[in-house]
Amino acid sequence: MKPKLKYRTKRIAAIFAVLAGLVGVICANPASYEKILESPAVAESTGNPTSPASSNDAISGAPLAVNILEQLEIKGRAPKTGYNREEFYKSWPTIEGCSLRQRIIRREIGESATLDADKCTVVAGEFDEPYTGSHLVFHTKAEFSKGIQIDHVVALSDAWQKGAQYKTAEERYNLATDPLNLLAVDASANQGKSDGDAATWLPPNKAFRCQYVARQVSVKHKYSLWVTQAEHDAIAHALEACPNEPAVGLEN
């Protein structure tokens, strides 16, 4: 059995020195976009969510997730009528010759990443997968394709029913391609989540739940999406264990 390792902060600022732009619509806030690509997707966990040394310190100057949660509007779901993934985006944008999907995988894999000849595709590497808490090791491109999926932390279907259908096409595109809303995760865990919100699904890895709901809150705040009462209560309950958990990608 492979030992479970602590989450370690992945320093990957060298991945993107400059963002040349996106194919299609350019993100509304390029500075924020670049910052999230360069920031660790998963902060180090000490196993004690309330510890001063936990992920609270990973992002300085960020407001607390509990405070951002209280700023979100609480409403019922809008109808799912008209939802289609292509209402958000048709394919991953390309940044400096590499697809955003590969950029997100490389962000998570960090320094252990081995790239293919195209200097984009990750063909080997290892990382501490956040949703399951397992340490995963990949040796081939095929193993990556089978075992890893890119998850929208706020599922696009959920976003559609909580305000995104009333946004412009550009706003929806930005939401779907924002690195803040993307994580490379275990494929089976992602399939189990489907389009659930925090009221219906949380990561089996309890050590990651604080970071997970904080990221959901941050995405919904950034794109002015609402939460249901049940979702609000589930997030508030998760954050009771970590009242100092910072929001992600937001500044005071």
C-alpha atoms as a PDB file:
ATOM      1  CA  MET A   1       0.000   0.000   0.000  1.00  0.00           C
ATOM      2  CA  LYS A   2       1.410   3.422  -0.894  1.00  0.00           C
ATOM      3  CA  PRO A   3       1.494   5.809   2.056  1.00  0.00           C
ATOM      4  CA  LYS A   4      -0.796   8.788   1.904  1.00  0.00           C
ATOM      5  CA  LEU A   5       1.219  11.968   1.749  1.00  0.00           C
ATOM      6  CA  LYS A   6       0.393  15.389   3.065  1.00  0.00           C
ATOM      7  CA  TYR A   7      -0.707  17.960   0.536  1.00  0.00           C
ATOM      8  CA  ARG A   8       2.279  20.002  -0.385  1.00  0.00           C
ATOM      9  CA  THR A   9       2.263  23.469  -1.842  1.00  0.00           C
ATOM     10  CA  LYS A  10       3.237  23.251  -5.447  1.00  0.00           C
ATOM     11  CA  ARG A  11       5.333  26.137  -6.625  1.00  0.00           C
ATOM     12  CA  ILE A  12       4.728  26.430 -10.325  1.00  0.00           C
ATOM     13  CA  ALA A  13       5.215  30.077 -11.173  1.00  0.00           C
ATOM     14  CA  ALA A  14       7.577  29.061 -13.964  1.00  0.00           C
ATOM     15  CA  ILE A  15       4.788  27.375 -15.878  1.00  0.00           C
ATOM     16  CA  PHE A  16       3.386  30.635 -17.186  1.00  0.00           C
ATOM     17  CA  ALA A  17       5.627  33.672 -17.440  1.00  0.00           C
ATOM     18  CA  VAL A  18       3.319  35.424 -19.861  1.00  0.00           C
ATOM     19  CA  LEU A  19      -0.230  34.751 -21.090  1.00  0.00           C
ATOM     20  CA  ALA A  20      -0.387  35.474 -24.769  1.00  0.00           C
ATOM     21  CA  GLY A  21      -4.170  35.211 -24.853  1.00  0.00           C
ATOM     22  CA  LEU A  22      -6.908  32.719 -25.456  1.00  0.00           C
ATOM     23  CA  VAL A  23      -8.397  31.257 -28.620  1.00  0.00           C
ATOM     24  CA  GLY A  24     -11.835  32.838 -28.820  1.00  0.00           C
ATOM     25  CA  VAL A  25     -12.909  35.112 -26.008  1.00  0.00           C
ATOM     26  CA  ILE A  26     -10.201  36.522 -23.726  1.00  0.00           C
ATOM     27  CA  CYS A  27     -10.838  36.300 -19.989  1.00  0.00           C
ATOM     28  CA  ALA A  28     -12.343  39.464 -18.532  1.00  0.00           C
ATOM     29  CA  ASN A  29      -9.579  39.749 -15.918  1.00  0.00           C
ATOM     30  CA  PRO A  30      -6.267  38.529 -17.380  1.00  0.00           C
ATOM     31  CA  ALA A  31      -4.250  39.484 -14.270  1.00  0.00           C
ATOM     32  CA  SER A  32      -6.468  37.378 -12.038  1.00  0.00           C
ATOM     33  CA  TYR A  33      -6.403  34.536 -14.572  1.00  0.00           C
ATOM     34  CA  GLU A  34      -2.617  34.429 -14.611  1.00  0.00           C
ATOM     35  CA  LYS A  35      -2.403  34.610 -10.817  1.00  0.00           C
ATOM     36  CA  ILE A  36      -4.611  31.528 -10.372  1.00  0.00           C
ATOM     37  CA  LEU A  37      -2.625  29.593 -12.979  1.00  0.00           C
ATOM     38  CA  GLU A  38       0.558  30.395 -11.080  1.00  0.00           C
ATOM     39  CA  SER A  39      -0.876  29.714  -7.609  1.00  0.00           C
ATOM     40  CA  PRO A  40      -0.942  26.271  -6.018  1.00  0.00           C
ATOM     41  CA  ALA A  41      -4.281  24.630  -6.701  1.00  0.00           C
ATOM     42  CA  VAL A  42      -4.129  22.717  -3.419  1.00  0.00           C
ATOM     43  CA  ALA A  43      -2.509  24.174  -0.320  1.00  0.00           C
ATOM     44  CA  GLU A  44      -0.646  22.091   2.192  1.00  0.00           C
ATOM     45  CA  SER A  45      -2.855  20.465   4.819  1.00  0.00           C
ATOM     46  CA  THR A  46      -1.757  19.710   8.356  1.00  0.00           C
ATOM     47  CA  GLY A  47      -4.704  17.446   9.087  1.00  0.00           C
ATOM     48  CA  ASN A  48      -6.087  20.066  11.474  1.00  0.00           C
ATOM     49  CA  PRO A  49      -8.332  22.509   9.604  1.00  0.00           C
ATOM     50  CA  THR A  50      -8.264  25.025  12.453  1.00  0.00           C
ATOM     51  CA  SER A  51      -4.479  25.045  12.832  1.00  0.00           C
ATOM     52  CA  PRO A  52      -2.789  28.401  12.124  1.00  0.00           C
ATOM     53  CA  ALA A  53      -0.406  26.489   9.863  1.00  0.00           C
ATOM     54  CA  SER A  54      -3.154  25.054   7.649  1.00  0.00           C
ATOM     55  CA  SER A  55      -4.261  26.358   4.270  1.00  0.00           C
ATOM     56  CA  ASN A  56      -5.310  29.667   5.869  1.00  0.00           C
ATOM     57  CA  ASP A  57      -1.755  30.871   5.332  1.00  0.00           C
ATOM     58  CA  ALA A  58      -1.521  29.716   1.713  1.00  0.00           C
ATOM     59  CA  ILE A  59      -3.062  32.905   0.352  1.00  0.00           C
ATOM     60  CA  SER A  60      -2.309  36.166   2.114  1.00  0.00           C
ATOM     61  CA  GLY A  61      -4.680  39.118   1.893  1.00  0.00           C
ATOM     62  CA  ALA A  62      -7.689  36.995   0.953  1.00  0.00           C
ATOM     63  CA  PRO A  63     -11.072  37.486   2.613  1.00  0.00           C
ATOM     64  CA  LEU A  64     -12.488  34.608   4.631  1.00  0.00           C
ATOM     65  CA  ALA A  65     -14.681  32.107   2.835  1.00  0.00           C
ATOM     66  CA  VAL A  66     -17.315  32.320   5.595  1.00  0.00           C
ATOM     67  CA  ASN A  67     -17.676  36.050   4.944  1.00  0.00           C
ATOM     68  CA  ILE A  68     -17.875  35.611   1.184  1.00  0.00           C
ATOM     69  CA  LEU A  69     -20.531  32.915   1.650  1.00  0.00           C
ATOM     70  CA  GLU A  70     -22.766  35.378   3.485  1.00  0.00           C
ATOM     71  CA  GLN A  71     -22.547  37.752   0.535  1.00  0.00           C
ATOM     72  CA  LEU A  72     -24.035  35.202  -1.858  1.00  0.00           C
ATOM     73  CA  GLU A  73     -27.693  35.474  -2.722  1.00  0.00           C
ATOM     74  CA  ILE A  74     -29.875  32.556  -1.595  1.00  0.00           C
ATOM     75  CA  LYS A  75     -32.511  31.475  -4.133  1.00  0.00           C
ATOM     76  CA  GLY A  76     -34.079  28.350  -5.554  1.00  0.00           C
ATOM     77  CA  ARG A  77     -32.760  26.672  -8.667  1.00  0.00           C
ATOM     78  CA  ALA A  78     -33.796  28.087 -12.012  1.00  0.00           C
ATOM     79  CA  PRO A  79     -34.997  25.566 -14.610  1.00  0.00           C
ATOM     80  CA  LYS A  80     -32.316  23.539 -16.364  1.00  0.00           C
ATOM     81  CA  THR A  81     -34.105  24.199 -19.663  1.00  0.00           C
ATOM     82  CA  GLY A  82     -31.687  25.161 -22.412  1.00  0.00           C
ATOM     83  CA  TYR A  83     -28.575  23.878 -20.681  1.00  0.00           C
ATOM     84  CA  ASN A  84     -25.848  22.643 -22.971  1.00  0.00           C
ATOM     85  CA  ARG A  85     -22.143  22.516 -22.288  1.00  0.00           C
ATOM     86  CA  GLU A  86     -21.563  24.434 -25.494  1.00  0.00           C
ATOM     87  CA  GLU A  87     -23.429  27.378 -23.959  1.00  0.00           C
ATOM     88  CA  PHE A  88     -20.184  27.827 -22.004  1.00  0.00           C
ATOM     89  CA  TYR A  89     -17.432  26.654 -24.330  1.00  0.00           C
ATOM     90  CA  LYS A  90     -16.854  24.267 -27.216  1.00  0.00           C
ATOM     91  CA  SER A  91     -13.244  23.271 -26.524  1.00  0.00           C
ATOM     92  CA  TRP A  92     -10.331  24.083 -24.261  1.00  0.00           C
ATOM     93  CA  PRO A  93      -8.614  27.359 -25.167  1.00  0.00           C
ATOM     94  CA  THR A  94      -4.967  27.336 -26.171  1.00  0.00           C
ATOM     95  CA  ILE A  95      -2.415  29.355 -24.196  1.00  0.00           C
ATOM     96  CA  GLU A  96       1.072  29.782 -25.633  1.00  0.00           C
ATOM     97  CA  GLY A  97       0.528  26.719 -27.828  1.00  0.00           C
ATOM     98  CA  CYS A  98      -0.758  24.405 -25.085  1.00  0.00           C
ATOM     99  CA  SER A  99      -4.360  23.567 -24.211  1.00  0.00           C
ATOM    100  CA  LEU A 100      -5.706  24.809 -20.926  1.00  0.00           C
ATOM    101  CA  ARG A 101      -6.463  21.202 -19.973  1.00  0.00           C
ATOM    102  CA  GLN A 102      -2.777  20.306 -20.114  1.00  0.00           C
ATOM    103  CA  ARG A 103      -1.875  23.511 -18.274  1.00  0.00           C
ATOM    104  CA  ILE A 104      -4.198  22.527 -15.412  1.00  0.00           C
ATOM    105  CA  ILE A 105      -2.774  19.000 -15.253  1.00  0.00           C
ATOM    106  CA  ARG A 106       0.750  20.382 -15.209  1.00  0.00           C
ATOM    107  CA  ARG A 107      -0.196  22.838 -12.460  1.00  0.00           C
ATOM    108  CA  GLU A 108      -1.310  19.962 -10.253  1.00  0.00           C
ATOM    109  CA  ILE A 109       1.529  17.582 -11.129  1.00  0.00           C
ATOM    110  CA  GLY A 110       4.114  20.278 -10.545  1.00  0.00           C
ATOM    111  CA  GLU A 111       7.815  19.501 -10.786  1.00  0.00           C
ATOM    112  CA  SER A 112       7.247  15.771 -11.212  1.00  0.00           C
ATOM    113  CA  ALA A 113       5.679  16.336 -14.647  1.00  0.00           C
ATOM    114  CA  THR A 114       7.326  14.743 -17.687  1.00  0.00           C
ATOM    115  CA  LEU A 115       6.225  16.370 -20.940  1.00  0.00           C
ATOM    116  CA  ASP A 116       5.816  14.855 -24.386  1.00  0.00           C
ATOM    117  CA  ALA A 117       7.728  16.140 -27.376  1.00  0.00           C
ATOM    118  CA  ASP A 118       5.083  18.843 -27.875  1.00  0.00           C
ATOM    119  CA  LYS A 119       6.204  20.397 -24.545  1.00  0.00           C
ATOM    120  CA  CYS A 120       2.540  20.508 -23.520  1.00  0.00           C
ATOM    121  CA  THR A 121       1.169  17.039 -22.888  1.00  0.00           C
ATOM    122  CA  VAL A 122       1.964  15.539 -19.496  1.00  0.00           C
ATOM    123  CA  VAL A 123       2.911  11.886 -19.984  1.00  0.00           C
ATOM    124  CA  ALA A 124       4.185  11.008 -16.507  1.00  0.00           C
ATOM    125  CA  GLY A 125       4.132  12.362 -12.990  1.00  0.00           C
ATOM    126  CA  GLU A 126       2.631  12.013  -9.542  1.00  0.00           C
ATOM    127  CA  PHE A 127       0.574  14.094  -7.133  1.00  0.00           C
ATOM    128  CA  ASP A 128      -1.613  14.034  -4.068  1.00  0.00           C
ATOM    129  CA  GLU A 129      -5.104  13.862  -5.574  1.00  0.00           C
ATOM    130  CA  PRO A 130      -7.410  16.167  -3.581  1.00  0.00           C
ATOM    131  CA  TYR A 131     -10.832  14.500  -3.861  1.00  0.00           C
ATOM    132  CA  THR A 132      -9.762  11.052  -2.650  1.00  0.00           C
ATOM    133  CA  GLY A 133      -6.600  11.893  -0.712  1.00  0.00           C
ATOM    134  CA  SER A 134      -4.674   9.230  -2.623  1.00  0.00           C
ATOM    135  CA  HIS A 135      -1.148   9.634  -3.909  1.00  0.00           C
ATOM    136  CA  LEU A 136      -1.394   8.883  -7.627  1.00  0.00           C
ATOM    137  CA  VAL A 137       1.471   7.946  -9.913  1.00  0.00           C
ATOM    138  CA  PHE A 138       1.174   7.942 -13.715  1.00  0.00           C
ATOM    139  CA  HIS A 139       3.695   6.509 -16.136  1.00  0.00           C
ATOM    140  CA  THR A 140       2.031   7.037 -19.527  1.00  0.00           C
ATOM    141  CA  LYS A 141      -0.249   9.422 -21.378  1.00  0.00           C
ATOM    142  CA  ALA A 142      -2.862   6.661 -21.530  1.00  0.00           C
ATOM    143  CA  GLU A 143      -2.868   6.363 -17.737  1.00  0.00           C
ATOM    144  CA  PHE A 144      -3.471  10.101 -17.456  1.00  0.00           C
ATOM    145  CA  SER A 145      -6.298   9.981 -19.969  1.00  0.00           C
ATOM    146  CA  LYS A 146      -8.000   7.151 -18.104  1.00  0.00           C
ATOM    147  CA  GLY A 147      -7.372   8.219 -14.521  1.00  0.00           C
ATOM    148  CA  ILE A 148      -7.578  12.018 -14.523  1.00  0.00           C
ATOM    149  CA  GLN A 149     -10.365  14.403 -15.475  1.00  0.00           C
ATOM    150  CA  ILE A 150     -10.601  18.177 -15.260  1.00  0.00           C
ATOM    151  CA  ASP A 151     -13.414  19.074 -12.886  1.00  0.00           C
ATOM    152  CA  HIS A 152     -15.357  22.304 -12.883  1.00  0.00           C
ATOM    153  CA  VAL A 153     -15.469  22.916  -9.130  1.00  0.00           C
ATOM    154  CA  VAL A 154     -18.756  24.711  -9.668  1.00  0.00           C
ATOM    155  CA  ALA A 155     -20.336  22.351 -12.170  1.00  0.00           C
ATOM    156  CA  LEU A 156     -21.525  24.073 -15.334  1.00  0.00           C
ATOM    157  CA  SER A 157     -25.014  22.604 -15.016  1.00  0.00           C
ATOM    158  CA  ASP A 158     -25.212  23.873 -11.450  1.00  0.00           C
ATOM    159  CA  ALA A 159     -23.962  27.284 -12.560  1.00  0.00           C
ATOM    160  CA  TRP A 160     -26.568  27.355 -15.337  1.00  0.00           C
ATOM    161  CA  GLN A 161     -29.361  26.834 -12.806  1.00  0.00           C
ATOM    162  CA  LYS A 162     -27.971  29.455 -10.434  1.00  0.00           C
ATOM    163  CA  GLY A 163     -27.529  32.448 -12.644  1.00  0.00           C
ATOM    164  CA  ALA A 164     -25.210  31.587 -15.536  1.00  0.00           C
ATOM    165  CA  GLN A 165     -28.051  31.226 -18.035  1.00  0.00           C
ATOM    166  CA  TYR A 166     -28.694  34.941 -17.587  1.00  0.00           C
ATOM    167  CA  LYS A 167     -25.071  35.879 -18.244  1.00  0.00           C
ATOM    168  CA  THR A 168     -23.506  36.841 -21.540  1.00  0.00           C
ATOM    169  CA  ALA A 169     -21.731  34.238 -23.670  1.00  0.00           C
ATOM    170  CA  GLU A 170     -18.406  35.868 -22.730  1.00  0.00           C
ATOM    171  CA  GLU A 171     -19.146  35.633 -18.999  1.00  0.00           C
ATOM    172  CA  ARG A 172     -20.074  31.962 -19.299  1.00  0.00           C
ATOM    173  CA  TYR A 173     -16.913  31.280 -21.307  1.00  0.00           C
ATOM    174  CA  ASN A 174     -14.804  32.953 -18.656  1.00  0.00           C
ATOM    175  CA  LEU A 175     -16.466  30.890 -15.930  1.00  0.00           C
ATOM    176  CA  ALA A 176     -15.863  27.623 -17.777  1.00  0.00           C
ATOM    177  CA  THR A 177     -12.211  28.342 -18.569  1.00  0.00           C
ATOM    178  CA  ASP A 178     -11.189  30.125 -15.373  1.00  0.00           C
ATOM    179  CA  PRO A 179      -8.353  28.189 -13.628  1.00  0.00           C
ATOM    180  CA  LEU A 180     -10.013  29.144 -10.340  1.00  0.00           C
ATOM    181  CA  ASN A 181     -12.862  26.794 -11.282  1.00  0.00           C
ATOM    182  CA  LEU A 182     -10.703  23.935 -12.577  1.00  0.00           C
ATOM    183  CA  LEU A 183      -8.960  21.059 -10.814  1.00  0.00           C
ATOM    184  CA  ALA A 184      -7.302  17.911 -12.157  1.00  0.00           C
ATOM    185  CA  VAL A 185      -8.869  15.104 -10.132  1.00  0.00           C
ATOM    186  CA  ASP A 186      -9.487  11.369  -9.957  1.00  0.00           C
ATOM    187  CA  ALA A 187     -11.825  10.390 -12.801  1.00  0.00           C
ATOM    188  CA  SER A 188     -14.087   8.133 -10.737  1.00  0.00           C
ATOM    189  CA  ALA A 189     -14.485  10.748  -8.000  1.00  0.00           C
ATOM    190  CA  ASN A 190     -15.367  13.360 -10.596  1.00  0.00           C
ATOM    191  CA  GLN A 191     -17.961  11.079 -12.149  1.00  0.00           C
ATOM    192  CA  GLY A 192     -19.433  10.474  -8.706  1.00  0.00           C
ATOM    193  CA  LYS A 193     -19.767  14.202  -8.184  1.00  0.00           C
ATOM    194  CA  SER A 194     -21.451  14.730 -11.549  1.00  0.00           C
ATOM    195  CA  ASP A 195     -23.175  18.135 -11.432  1.00  0.00           C
ATOM    196  CA  GLY A 196     -23.806  18.096  -7.690  1.00  0.00           C
ATOM    197  CA  ASP A 197     -23.448  21.110  -5.437  1.00  0.00           C
ATOM    198  CA  ALA A 198     -22.183  21.077  -1.849  1.00  0.00           C
ATOM    199  CA  ALA A 199     -25.594  19.980  -0.580  1.00  0.00           C
ATOM    200  CA  THR A 200     -25.402  16.729  -2.536  1.00  0.00           C
ATOM    201  CA  TRP A 201     -21.651  16.012  -2.851  1.00  0.00           C
ATOM    202  CA  LEU A 202     -18.449  16.766  -0.990  1.00  0.00           C
ATOM    203  CA  PRO A 203     -15.020  15.191  -1.562  1.00  0.00           C
ATOM    204  CA  PRO A 204     -14.616  11.834   0.198  1.00  0.00           C
ATOM    205  CA  ASN A 205     -11.286  13.233   1.436  1.00  0.00           C
ATOM    206  CA  LYS A 206     -12.496  15.196   4.465  1.00  0.00           C
ATOM    207  CA  ALA A 207      -9.139  16.961   4.794  1.00  0.00           C
ATOM    208  CA  PHE A 208      -9.848  18.765   1.511  1.00  0.00           C
ATOM    209  CA  ARG A 209     -13.441  19.829   2.150  1.00  0.00           C
ATOM    210  CA  CYS A 210     -12.585  23.242   3.566  1.00  0.00           C
ATOM    211  CA  GLN A 211     -10.519  24.150   0.517  1.00  0.00           C
ATOM    212  CA  TYR A 212     -13.152  22.699  -1.790  1.00  0.00           C
ATOM    213  CA  VAL A 213     -16.114  24.705  -0.466  1.00  0.00           C
ATOM    214  CA  ALA A 214     -13.948  27.822  -0.192  1.00  0.00           C
ATOM    215  CA  ARG A 215     -13.173  27.510  -3.893  1.00  0.00           C
ATOM    216  CA  GLN A 216     -16.860  27.016  -4.734  1.00  0.00           C
ATOM    217  CA  VAL A 217     -17.797  30.104  -2.732  1.00  0.00           C
ATOM    218  CA  SER A 218     -15.048  32.086  -4.462  1.00  0.00           C
ATOM    219  CA  VAL A 219     -16.185  31.078  -7.951  1.00  0.00           C
ATOM    220  CA  LYS A 220     -19.824  31.863  -7.220  1.00  0.00           C
ATOM    221  CA  HIS A 221     -18.909  35.238  -5.786  1.00  0.00           C
ATOM    222  CA  LYS A 222     -16.631  36.111  -8.698  1.00  0.00           C
ATOM    223  CA  TYR A 223     -19.328  35.331 -11.265  1.00  0.00           C
ATOM    224  CA  SER A 224     -22.329  36.545  -9.235  1.00  0.00           C
ATOM    225  CA  LEU A 225     -24.006  33.144  -8.984  1.00  0.00           C
ATOM    226  CA  TRP A 226     -26.374  32.248  -6.183  1.00  0.00           C
ATOM    227  CA  VAL A 227     -26.719  29.290  -3.829  1.00  0.00           C
ATOM    228  CA  THR A 228     -29.754  27.379  -2.623  1.00  0.00           C
ATOM    229  CA  GLN A 229     -30.565  27.344   1.080  1.00  0.00           C
ATOM    230  CA  ALA A 230     -29.488  23.717   1.354  1.00  0.00           C
ATOM    231  CA  GLU A 231     -26.228  24.478  -0.419  1.00  0.00           C
ATOM    232  CA  HIS A 232     -25.562  27.500   1.778  1.00  0.00           C
ATOM    233  CA  ASP A 233     -26.151  25.447   4.910  1.00  0.00           C
ATOM    234  CA  ALA A 234     -23.913  22.605   3.736  1.00  0.00           C
ATOM    235  CA  ILE A 235     -21.053  25.011   2.991  1.00  0.00           C
ATOM    236  CA  ALA A 236     -21.534  26.828   6.288  1.00  0.00           C
ATOM    237  CA  HIS A 237     -21.423  23.502   8.120  1.00  0.00           C
ATOM    238  CA  ALA A 238     -18.190  22.497   6.358  1.00  0.00           C
ATOM    239  CA  LEU A 239     -16.582  25.836   7.215  1.00  0.00           C
ATOM    240  CA  GLU A 240     -17.421  25.459  10.902  1.00  0.00           C
ATOM    241  CA  ALA A 241     -14.337  23.231  11.106  1.00  0.00           C
ATOM    242  CA  CYS A 242     -12.152  25.917   9.500  1.00  0.00           C
ATOM    243  CA  PRO A 243     -13.535  29.428  10.169  1.00  0.00           C
ATOM    244  CA  ASN A 244     -10.266  31.004   9.022  1.00  0.00           C
ATOM    245  CA  GLU A 245     -10.257  29.302   5.615  1.00  0.00           C
ATOM    246  CA  PRO A 246      -9.518  31.973   3.000  1.00  0.00           C
ATOM    247  CA  ALA A 247     -11.429  32.521  -0.180  1.00  0.00           C
ATOM    248  CA  VAL A 248      -9.413  31.769  -3.331  1.00  0.00           C
ATOM    249  CA  GLY A 249      -8.494  34.220  -6.042  1.00  0.00           C
ATOM    250  CA  LEU A 250     -10.197  37.112  -4.248  1.00  0.00           C
ATOM    251  CA  GLU A 251      -8.577  40.030  -2.484  1.00  0.00           C
ATOM    252  CA  ASN A 252      -9.776  42.311   0.269  1.00  0.00           C
END
